[in-house]
Amino acid sequence: MGTSGSRSTRRLRLAIIGSVGVPGRYGGFETLVENLATLAPGLAPDMELTIYCSARAYPQRAASFHGAKLRYLPLNANGAQSIPYDILSLAWAVLSRVDVVLVLGVSGAVAIPLFRRLGGARIVTNVDGIEWKREKWRGLSRWILRLSERLAARHSHAVIADNDHIAAHIRESYGVDCETIAYGGDHALAPEADPARLADLPAGYALSICRIEPENNVRMILEAFAQRPGVPLVLIGNWAASDYGRALRDRFGTLRHLFLLDPIYDLGQLKAIREQARFYVHGHSAGGTNPSLVEAMQFHEDILAFDCGFNRATTENGALFFQNCDDLGALIDALRAGTRGCGAGAMKEIADRRYAWSVVAQQYFRLVRRMWDEKRAGITSGPQKGYPRRADGIEKE
């Protein structure tokens, strides 16, 4: 979409709230925000970005990042403080008279109806995964999360899902349109590979990277590999963060072909580990377009993924899918025997087409410009009723 004459005199003011901030350290939203800010000067020179950050996470608080203004709140972005953090960020952004607010997540969605009416800003919300369905949420917490999702879907001017499976849920649950914009994964290719961690790892290992939580089917993965001492596994995650993780490490960590590593945040070291892996195992059963999966698709020809709608949508049904330990074991055996495998280059082709940050950023900026055009035209409606549209223009079947 070209820029109009009025845009040459004033840049579109875009605020981004709901992340920890930039530079990103570890997390899907933080990586998204960092890439939007980095790519904006080239892809969206007509936009002026302001990013709201947690002061708790940044002792040294820069005023800007790649031209984007940074604003800090004295709260944590995650945990119990995420709700007031998001609400105050939204209030600050709207009262600063920005044109469009990109809200990441639904923690502060209870305030969206109010600030939609008080301010003139267009509110675009990325609803993230279907958070209330996660096993860790019960009772009142689950009810609040589901209410937040409903408020975000019904009162935002536009809604974004990162996965067609989530977009279908938004359509069917709330009767509103929903843009599908995924995450990028090609940032994992950018650094030079650092082989520092490879010396202690065997040849031909399988790889998995995840948070150590039941919904990521970590026990299932470990049990399948425990029965196959000839197939080494490297599983990177936060084992010490929960009783669940500590118990699994105590039980399986003594097996010599299982390498249960603590989190690795250095992208160069991760790149080297990914490049040497024989195949990748993805056990996530909840969420949406999972960052670890789209990153893996940049590297691995063969991906074994838990069989759920999210993972099928992300891989366009091209991965090898399992539902239980026996299924996974059979796939491992078939890969070893050379009788199964993903299509050569299929995962990489999908990743290049859908999960490159330049593609993702263009989709976000296109939507933001459309919101501004609607605002200036005096269009006041929210998400349209009907089937969700993908931001790349491809209709969902």
Protein backbone atom coordinates (compact mmCIF):
# COMPACT_ATOMS: atom_id res chain seq x y z
CA MET A 1 0.00 0.00 0.00
CA GLY A 2 1.50 3.32 -0.94
CA THR A 3 1.69 6.31 1.37
CA SER A 4 -0.61 9.29 0.91
CA GLY A 5 0.31 12.93 0.99
CA SER A 6 -0.80 13.35 4.62
CA ARG A 7 1.52 10.55 5.65
CA SER A 8 4.46 12.55 4.29
CA THR A 9 3.79 15.27 6.87
CA ARG A 10 3.13 13.07 9.92
CA ARG A 11 4.28 9.56 10.58
CA LEU A 12 1.87 6.92 11.81
CA ARG A 13 2.30 6.53 15.57
CA LEU A 14 2.37 2.86 16.62
CA ALA A 15 2.67 1.69 20.23
CA ILE A 16 3.56 -1.91 21.10
CA ILE A 17 2.64 -3.19 24.55
CA GLY A 18 2.56 -6.56 26.34
CA SER A 19 6.16 -7.74 25.97
CA VAL A 20 9.03 -7.54 28.45
CA GLY A 21 10.71 -5.16 26.05
CA VAL A 22 13.76 -4.82 23.82
CA PRO A 23 16.39 -5.91 23.22
CA GLY A 24 14.68 -9.30 23.43
CA ARG A 25 16.18 -11.91 25.69
CA TYR A 26 14.03 -15.03 25.66
CA GLY A 27 10.43 -15.30 24.59
CA GLY A 28 8.28 -15.26 21.48
CA PHE A 29 6.76 -11.80 21.98
CA GLU A 30 10.13 -10.25 22.77
CA THR A 31 11.63 -11.72 19.60
CA LEU A 32 8.64 -10.44 17.64
CA VAL A 33 8.98 -6.90 19.02
CA GLU A 34 12.73 -6.83 18.44
CA ASN A 35 12.30 -7.84 14.81
CA LEU A 36 9.47 -5.37 14.20
CA ALA A 37 11.64 -2.57 15.59
CA THR A 38 14.72 -3.66 13.66
CA LEU A 39 12.88 -3.97 10.35
CA ALA A 40 10.64 -0.90 10.68
CA PRO A 41 13.17 1.68 9.39
CA GLY A 42 13.44 -0.23 6.11
CA LEU A 43 9.94 -1.68 5.73
CA ALA A 44 7.85 1.02 7.45
CA PRO A 45 9.66 4.38 7.37
CA ASP A 46 6.20 6.00 7.60
CA MET A 47 5.79 4.69 11.17
CA GLU A 48 7.00 6.01 14.51
CA LEU A 49 7.26 3.15 17.01
CA THR A 50 7.02 3.33 20.80
CA ILE A 51 7.70 0.15 22.78
CA TYR A 52 6.60 -0.28 26.40
CA CYS A 53 9.10 -2.21 28.54
CA SER A 54 9.47 -3.58 32.07
CA ALA A 55 11.93 -1.45 34.05
CA ARG A 56 12.59 -4.50 36.24
CA ALA A 57 14.15 -6.32 33.28
CA TYR A 58 16.40 -3.47 32.12
CA PRO A 59 18.64 -1.89 34.79
CA GLN A 60 20.33 0.10 32.00
CA ARG A 61 17.39 1.75 30.26
CA ALA A 62 18.13 2.96 26.78
CA ALA A 63 15.91 5.69 25.38
CA SER A 64 15.56 4.10 21.96
CA PHE A 65 16.13 0.92 19.97
CA HIS A 66 16.69 1.07 16.20
CA GLY A 67 14.80 4.37 16.17
CA ALA A 68 11.88 3.13 18.29
CA LYS A 69 11.18 5.07 21.48
CA LEU A 70 11.28 3.04 24.70
CA ARG A 71 9.00 3.67 27.69
CA TYR A 72 9.45 1.85 31.01
CA LEU A 73 6.99 0.80 33.70
CA PRO A 74 8.11 -0.23 37.24
CA LEU A 75 6.37 -3.62 37.06
CA ASN A 76 7.17 -7.14 35.92
CA ALA A 77 5.74 -8.04 32.52
CA ASN A 78 5.01 -11.63 33.54
CA GLY A 79 3.45 -13.37 36.53
CA ALA A 80 0.99 -11.69 38.87
CA GLN A 81 1.96 -8.18 37.74
CA SER A 82 1.26 -8.84 34.06
CA ILE A 83 -2.33 -7.57 34.32
CA PRO A 84 -1.54 -4.13 35.82
CA TYR A 85 1.56 -3.93 33.59
CA ASP A 86 -0.52 -4.35 30.45
CA ILE A 87 -3.35 -2.09 31.64
CA LEU A 88 -0.98 0.76 32.55
CA SER A 89 0.91 0.33 29.28
CA LEU A 90 -2.36 0.54 27.34
CA ALA A 91 -3.45 3.62 29.28
CA TRP A 92 -0.11 5.37 28.73
CA ALA A 93 -0.16 4.58 25.01
CA VAL A 94 -3.76 5.68 24.42
CA LEU A 95 -3.40 8.87 26.46
CA SER A 96 -0.24 9.66 24.47
CA ARG A 97 -2.55 9.86 21.45
CA VAL A 98 -0.91 7.20 19.34
CA ASP A 99 -2.75 6.09 16.22
CA VAL A 100 -2.57 2.31 16.69
CA VAL A 101 -1.78 0.14 19.72
CA LEU A 102 -0.51 -3.39 19.11
CA VAL A 103 -1.41 -5.41 22.23
CA LEU A 104 0.52 -8.67 22.68
CA GLY A 105 -1.47 -11.13 24.77
CA VAL A 106 -4.74 -10.76 26.63
CA SER A 107 -3.55 -10.14 30.21
CA GLY A 108 -4.85 -6.57 30.23
CA ALA A 109 -7.85 -7.15 27.98
CA VAL A 110 -10.28 -6.12 30.72
CA ALA A 111 -9.24 -2.52 29.97
CA ILE A 112 -9.66 -2.69 26.19
CA PRO A 113 -13.38 -1.76 26.13
CA LEU A 114 -12.70 1.31 28.31
CA PHE A 115 -9.69 2.65 26.43
CA ARG A 116 -11.28 1.95 23.08
CA ARG A 117 -13.94 4.47 24.07
CA LEU A 118 -11.70 6.98 25.86
CA GLY A 119 -9.02 7.32 23.23
CA GLY A 120 -8.87 7.64 19.50
CA ALA A 121 -6.37 4.84 19.01
CA ARG A 122 -7.07 1.70 17.02
CA ILE A 123 -6.42 -1.38 19.16
CA VAL A 124 -5.01 -4.50 17.52
CA THR A 125 -4.62 -7.55 19.78
CA ASN A 126 -2.52 -10.66 19.23
CA VAL A 127 -4.39 -13.20 21.36
CA ASP A 128 -1.36 -15.53 21.60
CA GLY A 129 -2.23 -19.19 22.28
CA ILE A 130 -5.49 -20.38 23.79
CA GLU A 131 -3.93 -19.77 27.17
CA TRP A 132 -6.91 -20.77 29.32
CA LYS A 133 -6.77 -24.33 27.96
CA ARG A 134 -3.31 -24.99 29.38
CA GLU A 135 -3.16 -27.64 32.10
CA LYS A 136 -1.54 -25.29 34.61
CA TRP A 137 -4.63 -23.07 34.81
CA ARG A 138 -7.61 -24.12 36.92
CA GLY A 139 -10.69 -22.57 38.51
CA LEU A 140 -10.74 -18.79 38.81
CA SER A 141 -7.48 -18.31 36.87
CA ARG A 142 -8.86 -20.23 33.90
CA TRP A 143 -12.13 -18.26 34.02
CA ILE A 144 -10.28 -14.93 34.06
CA LEU A 145 -8.10 -15.93 31.11
CA ARG A 146 -11.11 -17.03 29.10
CA LEU A 147 -12.93 -13.78 29.91
CA SER A 148 -9.85 -11.83 28.83
CA GLU A 149 -9.75 -13.67 25.51
CA ARG A 150 -13.43 -12.91 24.94
CA LEU A 151 -13.01 -9.21 25.72
CA ALA A 152 -9.98 -8.93 23.45
CA ALA A 153 -11.73 -10.68 20.56
CA ARG A 154 -14.94 -8.67 20.80
CA HIS A 155 -13.62 -5.20 21.61
CA SER A 156 -10.35 -4.87 19.70
CA HIS A 157 -10.52 -3.19 16.30
CA ALA A 158 -8.59 -6.14 14.84
CA VAL A 159 -7.53 -9.53 16.17
CA ILE A 160 -4.40 -11.48 15.28
CA ALA A 161 -3.80 -15.20 15.78
CA ASP A 162 -0.42 -16.75 15.09
CA ASN A 163 -1.91 -20.01 13.82
CA ASP A 164 -4.87 -20.98 11.63
CA HIS A 165 -6.05 -23.35 14.36
CA ILE A 166 -6.36 -20.44 16.81
CA ALA A 167 -7.98 -18.24 14.15
CA ALA A 168 -10.66 -20.90 13.69
CA HIS A 169 -11.22 -20.96 17.47
CA ILE A 170 -11.69 -17.16 17.55
CA ARG A 171 -14.13 -17.31 14.64
CA GLU A 172 -16.17 -20.17 16.07
CA SER A 173 -16.19 -18.90 19.67
CA TYR A 174 -16.81 -15.18 19.11
CA GLY A 175 -18.04 -14.83 15.53
CA VAL A 176 -15.37 -12.29 14.52
CA ASP A 177 -12.80 -12.10 11.78
CA CYS A 178 -9.17 -12.84 12.65
CA GLU A 179 -5.89 -12.18 10.85
CA THR A 180 -3.38 -15.04 10.82
CA ILE A 181 0.20 -13.80 11.23
CA ALA A 182 2.80 -16.30 12.41
CA TYR A 183 6.18 -15.83 14.09
CA GLY A 184 9.51 -15.74 12.33
CA GLY A 185 12.30 -18.22 12.89
CA ASP A 186 15.14 -17.13 10.65
CA HIS A 187 16.81 -15.14 13.44
CA ALA A 188 18.16 -18.52 14.57
CA LEU A 189 20.26 -18.63 11.39
CA ALA A 190 21.83 -15.21 11.86
CA PRO A 191 24.73 -15.78 14.32
CA GLU A 192 27.93 -17.60 13.57
CA ALA A 193 27.77 -21.16 14.91
CA ASP A 194 29.70 -21.60 18.16
CA PRO A 195 30.74 -25.25 18.66
CA ALA A 196 31.66 -24.75 22.34
CA ARG A 197 28.96 -27.14 23.60
CA LEU A 198 29.43 -29.86 20.97
CA ALA A 199 32.47 -31.55 22.51
CA ASP A 200 30.36 -33.35 25.11
CA LEU A 201 27.64 -34.49 22.68
CA PRO A 202 27.60 -37.71 20.63
CA ALA A 203 27.20 -37.99 16.88
CA GLY A 204 23.77 -38.46 15.33
CA TYR A 205 21.67 -37.23 18.24
CA ALA A 206 18.01 -36.21 18.16
CA LEU A 207 17.20 -32.76 19.54
CA SER A 208 14.32 -31.21 21.48
CA ILE A 209 14.12 -27.72 23.04
CA CYS A 210 11.23 -26.75 25.30
CA ARG A 211 10.01 -25.59 28.67
CA ILE A 212 9.82 -28.61 30.95
CA GLU A 213 6.06 -28.76 31.41
CA PRO A 214 3.55 -31.64 31.19
CA GLU A 215 1.77 -30.11 28.18
CA ASN A 216 5.03 -30.39 26.22
CA ASN A 217 4.96 -34.19 26.66
CA VAL A 218 8.50 -34.30 28.01
CA ARG A 219 7.93 -37.57 29.87
CA MET A 220 6.59 -39.23 26.71
CA ILE A 221 9.68 -38.15 24.75
CA LEU A 222 12.08 -39.35 27.43
CA GLU A 223 10.33 -42.71 27.79
CA ALA A 224 10.49 -43.34 24.03
CA PHE A 225 14.21 -42.61 23.86
CA ALA A 226 14.98 -44.43 27.12
CA GLN A 227 13.93 -47.63 25.38
CA ARG A 228 16.38 -46.97 22.52
CA PRO A 229 19.92 -46.69 23.88
CA GLY A 230 21.27 -46.63 20.32
CA VAL A 231 19.60 -43.25 19.62
CA PRO A 232 21.01 -40.39 21.71
CA LEU A 233 18.77 -37.49 22.65
CA VAL A 234 19.72 -33.94 23.59
CA LEU A 235 16.84 -32.23 25.40
CA ILE A 236 17.37 -28.59 26.41
CA GLY A 237 15.03 -27.06 28.98
CA ASN A 238 14.50 -25.51 32.41
CA TRP A 239 14.71 -28.73 34.45
CA ALA A 240 15.28 -26.97 37.77
CA ALA A 241 12.23 -24.70 37.53
CA SER A 242 9.63 -27.19 38.83
CA ASP A 243 9.14 -30.40 40.77
CA TYR A 244 8.04 -31.98 37.49
CA GLY A 245 11.33 -31.12 35.79
CA ARG A 246 13.50 -32.15 38.73
CA ALA A 247 11.73 -35.49 39.01
CA LEU A 248 12.23 -36.23 35.31
CA ARG A 249 15.89 -35.34 35.46
CA ASP A 250 16.38 -37.56 38.52
CA ARG A 251 14.68 -40.47 36.76
CA PHE A 252 16.19 -40.21 33.26
CA GLY A 253 19.36 -38.19 33.76
CA THR A 254 21.45 -41.24 34.67
CA LEU A 255 20.96 -42.83 31.23
CA ARG A 256 24.17 -42.28 29.32
CA HIS A 257 22.52 -41.66 25.93
CA LEU A 258 20.17 -38.95 27.27
CA PHE A 259 21.71 -35.47 27.57
CA LEU A 260 19.40 -33.27 29.65
CA LEU A 261 20.87 -29.79 29.34
CA ASP A 262 19.89 -26.59 31.12
CA PRO A 263 18.61 -23.68 29.00
CA ILE A 264 21.06 -22.29 26.45
CA TYR A 265 20.40 -18.68 25.49
CA ASP A 266 23.44 -18.13 23.29
CA LEU A 267 22.11 -18.28 19.71
CA GLY A 268 25.53 -19.18 18.32
CA GLN A 269 25.78 -22.25 20.56
CA LEU A 270 22.18 -23.20 19.78
CA LYS A 271 22.88 -22.90 16.05
CA ALA A 272 25.81 -25.31 16.28
CA ILE A 273 23.74 -27.81 18.29
CA ARG A 274 20.85 -27.59 15.81
CA GLU A 275 23.11 -28.02 12.80
CA GLN A 276 24.54 -31.28 14.16
CA ALA A 277 21.22 -32.87 15.16
CA ARG A 278 19.94 -35.84 13.12
CA PHE A 279 16.26 -34.88 13.60
CA TYR A 280 14.03 -32.78 15.86
CA VAL A 281 11.28 -33.82 18.30
CA HIS A 282 8.52 -31.34 19.18
CA GLY A 283 6.18 -32.38 21.99
CA HIS A 284 4.09 -29.23 22.48
CA SER A 285 0.36 -29.90 22.70
CA ALA A 286 -0.90 -26.37 23.44
CA GLY A 287 -0.28 -22.84 22.27
CA GLY A 288 -0.17 -21.77 18.64
CA THR A 289 2.69 -21.30 16.22
CA ASN A 290 5.41 -22.26 18.66
CA PRO A 291 8.70 -20.35 18.25
CA SER A 292 10.86 -23.40 18.93
CA LEU A 293 9.10 -25.30 16.12
CA VAL A 294 9.44 -22.58 13.47
CA GLU A 295 13.10 -22.19 14.46
CA ALA A 296 13.59 -25.96 14.11
CA MET A 297 12.04 -25.87 10.63
CA GLN A 298 14.93 -23.67 9.52
CA PHE A 299 17.40 -26.48 10.28
CA HIS A 300 15.86 -29.94 10.30
CA GLU A 301 14.63 -31.97 7.37
CA ASP A 302 12.87 -34.45 9.64
CA ILE A 303 10.60 -33.19 12.43
CA LEU A 304 8.60 -35.47 14.73
CA ALA A 305 5.71 -33.46 16.22
CA PHE A 306 2.94 -34.24 18.67
CA ASP A 307 -0.30 -34.66 16.74
CA CYS A 308 -2.46 -31.61 17.44
CA GLY A 309 -4.10 -28.94 15.33
CA PHE A 310 -1.50 -26.29 16.16
CA ASN A 311 1.44 -28.37 14.98
CA ARG A 312 -0.37 -29.60 11.89
CA ALA A 313 -1.20 -26.04 10.90
CA THR A 314 2.37 -24.84 11.50
CA THR A 315 3.96 -27.60 9.43
CA GLU A 316 1.16 -27.75 6.83
CA ASN A 317 0.69 -31.41 7.80
CA GLY A 318 4.21 -32.12 6.61
CA ALA A 319 5.85 -33.31 9.84
CA LEU A 320 5.81 -36.89 11.18
CA PHE A 321 3.16 -36.99 13.90
CA PHE A 322 2.84 -39.03 17.09
CA GLN A 323 0.17 -39.27 19.79
CA ASN A 324 1.84 -41.50 22.37
CA CYS A 325 5.10 -43.14 23.35
CA ASP A 326 4.59 -46.12 21.05
CA ASP A 327 3.90 -43.87 18.05
CA LEU A 328 7.02 -41.86 18.76
CA GLY A 329 9.13 -44.98 19.19
CA ALA A 330 7.91 -46.35 15.86
CA LEU A 331 8.83 -43.11 14.09
CA ILE A 332 12.29 -43.12 15.66
CA ASP A 333 12.82 -46.70 14.50
CA ALA A 334 11.59 -45.87 10.99
CA LEU A 335 13.93 -42.91 10.70
CA ARG A 336 16.85 -45.08 11.76
CA ALA A 337 15.89 -47.68 9.16
CA GLY A 338 15.40 -45.05 6.47
CA THR A 339 11.82 -46.09 5.79
CA ARG A 340 10.18 -42.80 6.89
CA GLY A 341 11.03 -39.16 6.63
CA CYS A 342 9.59 -35.76 5.78
CA GLY A 343 9.85 -34.65 2.17
CA ALA A 344 13.34 -33.44 1.38
CA GLY A 345 13.44 -29.69 1.98
CA ALA A 346 9.73 -29.47 2.82
CA MET A 347 10.14 -27.96 6.29
CA LYS A 348 12.68 -25.40 5.06
CA GLU A 349 10.47 -24.39 2.13
CA ILE A 350 7.55 -23.72 4.50
CA ALA A 351 9.83 -21.83 6.89
CA ASP A 352 11.19 -19.59 4.14
CA ARG A 353 7.71 -18.90 2.78
CA ARG A 354 5.86 -18.30 6.05
CA TYR A 355 8.27 -17.88 8.96
CA ALA A 356 10.81 -15.31 7.77
CA TRP A 357 10.74 -12.14 9.87
CA SER A 358 10.66 -9.90 6.81
CA VAL A 359 7.43 -11.64 5.74
CA VAL A 360 5.93 -11.46 9.24
CA ALA A 361 6.84 -7.78 9.71
CA GLN A 362 5.30 -6.81 6.38
CA GLN A 363 2.05 -8.48 7.43
CA TYR A 364 1.98 -6.56 10.73
CA PHE A 365 2.80 -3.23 9.09
CA ARG A 366 0.16 -3.80 6.38
CA LEU A 367 -2.50 -4.41 9.05
CA VAL A 368 -1.42 -1.36 11.07
CA ARG A 369 -1.66 0.86 7.98
CA ARG A 370 -5.14 -0.49 7.27
CA MET A 371 -6.19 0.36 10.83
CA TRP A 372 -4.92 3.92 10.39
CA ASP A 373 -6.74 4.28 7.08
CA GLU A 374 -9.96 3.13 8.75
CA LYS A 375 -9.43 5.52 11.63
CA ARG A 376 -8.97 8.49 9.30
CA ALA A 377 -11.98 7.41 7.28
CA GLY A 378 -14.09 7.38 10.44
CA ILE A 379 -14.81 3.65 10.37
CA THR A 380 -15.67 2.65 13.96
CA SER A 381 -16.49 -1.07 13.70
CA GLY A 382 -14.36 -3.79 15.25
CA PRO A 383 -13.36 -7.16 13.76
CA GLN A 384 -15.70 -8.17 10.99
CA LYS A 385 -17.97 -11.14 11.45
CA GLY A 386 -17.27 -14.16 9.30
CA TYR A 387 -14.33 -16.30 8.34
CA PRO A 388 -10.79 -15.32 9.33
CA ARG A 389 -8.50 -13.95 6.67
CA ARG A 390 -4.81 -14.72 6.57
CA ALA A 391 -2.66 -11.62 6.41
CA ASP A 392 -0.82 -13.02 3.40
CA GLY A 393 -4.08 -12.91 1.44
CA ILE A 394 -4.64 -16.69 1.35
CA GLU A 395 -8.17 -17.64 2.37
CA LYS A 396 -8.44 -20.29 5.04
CA GLU A 397 -10.09 -23.42 3.70
